[in-house]
C-alpha atoms as a PDB file:
ATOM      1  CA  MET A   1     -33.160-147.363 111.444  1.00  0.00           C
ATOM      2  CA  PRO A   2     -34.077-145.988 107.739  1.00  0.00           C
ATOM      3  CA  ASP A   3     -31.930-146.993 105.017  1.00  0.00           C
ATOM      4  CA  PRO A   4     -28.685-144.570 104.966  1.00  0.00           C
ATOM      5  CA  ILE A   5     -27.932-142.034 102.588  1.00  0.00           C
ATOM      6  CA  PHE A   6     -24.452-141.358 101.515  1.00  0.00           C
ATOM      7  CA  HIS A   7     -22.110-138.520 100.663  1.00  0.00           C
ATOM      8  CA  ILE A   8     -19.103-138.697  98.384  1.00  0.00           C
ATOM      9  CA  THR A   9     -16.117-136.643  99.629  1.00  0.00           C
ATOM     10  CA  THR A  10     -12.181-136.460  99.428  1.00  0.00           C
ATOM     11  CA  GLU A  11     -10.358-138.011 102.302  1.00  0.00           C
ATOM     12  CA  ALA A  12      -8.704-134.828 102.795  1.00  0.00           C
ATOM     13  CA  ALA A  13     -12.004-132.914 103.398  1.00  0.00           C
ATOM     14  CA  TRP A  14     -13.116-135.569 105.928  1.00  0.00           C
ATOM     15  CA  GLN A  15      -9.981-135.496 107.651  1.00  0.00           C
ATOM     16  CA  LEU A  16     -10.202-131.831 108.209  1.00  0.00           C
ATOM     17  CA  ALA A  17     -13.684-132.224 109.752  1.00  0.00           C
ATOM     18  CA  LEU A  18     -12.633-135.015 112.103  1.00  0.00           C
ATOM     19  CA  ALA A  19      -9.734-132.830 113.338  1.00  0.00           C
ATOM     20  CA  ALA A  20     -11.964-129.940 113.543  1.00  0.00           C
ATOM     21  CA  GLY A  21     -14.273-131.682 115.758  1.00  0.00           C
ATOM     22  CA  GLU A  22     -17.031-130.054 113.828  1.00  0.00           C
ATOM     23  CA  ALA A  23     -19.824-130.554 111.506  1.00  0.00           C
ATOM     24  CA  TYR A  24     -18.930-131.288 108.052  1.00  0.00           C
ATOM     25  CA  ALA A  25     -19.790-128.779 105.244  1.00  0.00           C
ATOM     26  CA  THR A  26     -19.058-128.820 101.547  1.00  0.00           C
ATOM     27  CA  PRO A  27     -18.173-125.699  99.158  1.00  0.00           C
ATOM     28  CA  SER A  28     -21.744-126.747  97.887  1.00  0.00           C
ATOM     29  CA  LEU A  29     -23.429-125.454 100.952  1.00  0.00           C
ATOM     30  CA  PRO A  30     -22.835-121.997 100.880  1.00  0.00           C
ATOM     31  CA  ALA A  31     -22.794-122.013  96.853  1.00  0.00           C
ATOM     32  CA  GLU A  32     -26.208-123.781  96.473  1.00  0.00           C
ATOM     33  CA  GLY A  33     -27.863-124.093  99.943  1.00  0.00           C
ATOM     34  CA  PHE A  34     -27.163-127.751 100.345  1.00  0.00           C
ATOM     35  CA  ILE A  35     -25.124-130.856 100.510  1.00  0.00           C
ATOM     36  CA  HIS A  36     -25.242-133.189  97.650  1.00  0.00           C
ATOM     37  CA  CYS A  37     -25.998-136.948  98.992  1.00  0.00           C
ATOM     38  CA  SER A  38     -27.380-140.149  97.446  1.00  0.00           C
ATOM     39  CA  THR A  39     -28.962-143.279  97.852  1.00  0.00           C
ATOM     40  CA  ARG A  40     -27.173-146.645  97.913  1.00  0.00           C
ATOM     41  CA  GLU A  41     -28.766-147.236  94.459  1.00  0.00           C
ATOM     42  CA  GLN A  42     -27.507-143.730  93.284  1.00  0.00           C
ATOM     43  CA  VAL A  43     -23.924-143.631  94.484  1.00  0.00           C
ATOM     44  CA  ALA A  44     -22.226-145.069  91.686  1.00  0.00           C
ATOM     45  CA  TRP A  45     -23.857-143.339  89.102  1.00  0.00           C
ATOM     46  CA  VAL A  46     -23.267-139.853  90.977  1.00  0.00           C
ATOM     47  CA  ALA A  47     -19.484-140.913  91.204  1.00  0.00           C
ATOM     48  CA  ASN A  48     -18.833-141.785  87.738  1.00  0.00           C
ATOM     49  CA  GLN A  49     -20.523-138.807  86.517  1.00  0.00           C
ATOM     50  CA  ARG A  50     -18.485-136.323  88.734  1.00  0.00           C
ATOM     51  CA  PHE A  51     -15.327-138.205  89.970  1.00  0.00           C
ATOM     52  CA  ARG A  52     -14.318-140.583  87.216  1.00  0.00           C
ATOM     53  CA  GLY A  53     -10.534-140.371  86.520  1.00  0.00           C
ATOM     54  CA  SER A  54      -9.711-137.858  89.497  1.00  0.00           C
ATOM     55  CA  ALA A  55      -6.651-138.188  91.332  1.00  0.00           C
ATOM     56  CA  GLU A  56      -8.335-137.242  94.578  1.00  0.00           C
ATOM     57  CA  ARG A  57      -8.742-140.124  97.078  1.00  0.00           C
ATOM     58  CA  PHE A  58     -12.544-140.473  98.108  1.00  0.00           C
ATOM     59  CA  VAL A  59     -14.232-141.684 101.058  1.00  0.00           C
ATOM     60  CA  LEU A  60     -18.056-142.649 101.123  1.00  0.00           C
ATOM     61  CA  MET A  61     -19.910-141.347 104.188  1.00  0.00           C
ATOM     62  CA  ARG A  62     -22.762-143.462 105.363  1.00  0.00           C
ATOM     63  CA  LEU A  63     -25.272-141.303 107.187  1.00  0.00           C
ATOM     64  CA  ASP A  64     -28.185-141.831 109.236  1.00  0.00           C
ATOM     65  CA  PRO A  65     -30.911-139.609 108.285  1.00  0.00           C
ATOM     66  CA  GLU A  66     -32.408-139.604 111.655  1.00  0.00           C
ATOM     67  CA  ALA A  67     -29.459-138.485 113.365  1.00  0.00           C
ATOM     68  CA  LEU A  68     -29.432-135.553 111.190  1.00  0.00           C
ATOM     69  CA  THR A  69     -30.061-131.965 112.859  1.00  0.00           C
ATOM     70  CA  SER A  70     -30.097-130.044 109.504  1.00  0.00           C
ATOM     71  CA  GLU A  71     -32.716-130.379 107.092  1.00  0.00           C
ATOM     72  CA  LEU A  72     -33.109-133.398 104.675  1.00  0.00           C
ATOM     73  CA  ARG A  73     -35.175-132.945 101.380  1.00  0.00           C
ATOM     74  CA  TRP A  74     -35.772-135.533  98.822  1.00  0.00           C
ATOM     75  CA  GLU A  75     -35.500-133.458  95.483  1.00  0.00           C
ATOM     76  CA  THR A  76     -35.416-134.105  91.545  1.00  0.00           C
ATOM     77  CA  SER A  77     -32.162-132.994  89.886  1.00  0.00           C
ATOM     78  CA  GLU A  78     -31.832-135.339  87.072  1.00  0.00           C
ATOM     79  CA  PRO A  79     -35.255-135.767  85.144  1.00  0.00           C
ATOM     80  CA  THR A  80     -34.653-139.705  84.692  1.00  0.00           C
ATOM     81  CA  LYS A  81     -33.616-140.352  88.605  1.00  0.00           C
ATOM     82  CA  PRO A  82     -35.354-140.579  91.488  1.00  0.00           C
ATOM     83  CA  PRO A  83     -35.308-137.724  93.948  1.00  0.00           C
ATOM     84  CA  PHE A  84     -31.822-137.242  95.591  1.00  0.00           C
ATOM     85  CA  PRO A  85     -31.103-136.581  99.246  1.00  0.00           C
ATOM     86  CA  HIS A  86     -30.100-132.890  99.962  1.00  0.00           C
ATOM     87  CA  ILE A  87     -29.130-131.709 103.392  1.00  0.00           C
ATOM     88  CA  TYR A  88     -29.691-128.050 103.958  1.00  0.00           C
ATOM     89  CA  GLY A  89     -27.253-127.519 106.537  1.00  0.00           C
ATOM     90  CA  PRO A  90     -23.859-129.195 107.860  1.00  0.00           C
ATOM     91  CA  ILE A  91     -23.791-132.771 108.933  1.00  0.00           C
ATOM     92  CA  ASP A  92     -23.416-133.542 112.377  1.00  0.00           C
ATOM     93  CA  LEU A  93     -20.472-135.980 112.819  1.00  0.00           C
ATOM     94  CA  GLY A  94     -22.885-137.961 114.870  1.00  0.00           C
ATOM     95  CA  ALA A  95     -25.004-138.725 111.903  1.00  0.00           C
ATOM     96  CA  VAL A  96     -21.882-140.229 110.171  1.00  0.00           C
ATOM     97  CA  THR A  97     -22.237-143.943 110.865  1.00  0.00           C
ATOM     98  CA  GLU A  98     -19.340-145.441 108.894  1.00  0.00           C
ATOM     99  CA  VAL A  99     -16.907-143.841 106.421  1.00  0.00           C
ATOM    100  CA  LEU A 100     -15.886-146.294 103.585  1.00  0.00           C
ATOM    101  CA  PRO A 101     -12.564-146.082 101.474  1.00  0.00           C
ATOM    102  CA  PHE A 102     -14.274-145.190  98.038  1.00  0.00           C
ATOM    103  CA  ALA A 103     -11.724-146.049  94.979  1.00  0.00           C
ATOM    104  CA  GLU A 104     -12.650-145.933  91.416  1.00  0.00           C
ATOM    105  CA  GLY A 105     -11.821-149.471  89.744  1.00  0.00           C
ATOM    106  CA  PRO A 106     -11.146-150.644  86.372  1.00  0.00           C
ATOM    107  CA  ASP A 107     -14.845-150.343  85.389  1.00  0.00           C
ATOM    108  CA  GLY A 108     -15.299-146.986  87.265  1.00  0.00           C
ATOM    109  CA  PHE A 109     -16.760-146.751  90.611  1.00  0.00           C
ATOM    110  CA  GLY A 110     -19.480-149.502  92.050  1.00  0.00           C
ATOM    111  CA  PRO A 111     -22.137-149.469  94.824  1.00  0.00           C
ATOM    112  CA  PRO A 112     -21.501-149.178  98.372  1.00  0.00           C
ATOM    113  CA  ALA A 113     -21.458-152.835 100.099  1.00  0.00           C
END
């Protein structure tokens, strides 16, 4: 299996996808055309840039890139960072290999275990 990719979402959004039993999608999919994801090395940076100080409860979805049916593209969106994985379509629930609680600590968010 290739290295996993990760998607940060709220616990509520994940529970809605599970209850519907359908593929997971985000507001960025219709707005931007893709779902933002990260590598293991990028997760903490993304979380600290976008979610630090939020009252939301987050989870981290671990995804198997080979199980995705939507197109996966590696694209540069931050000039000083390696390309980020972007998924151009919904995420099949079967591509989600694990969902981990993802809470901010006193020093911010950390990388996944």
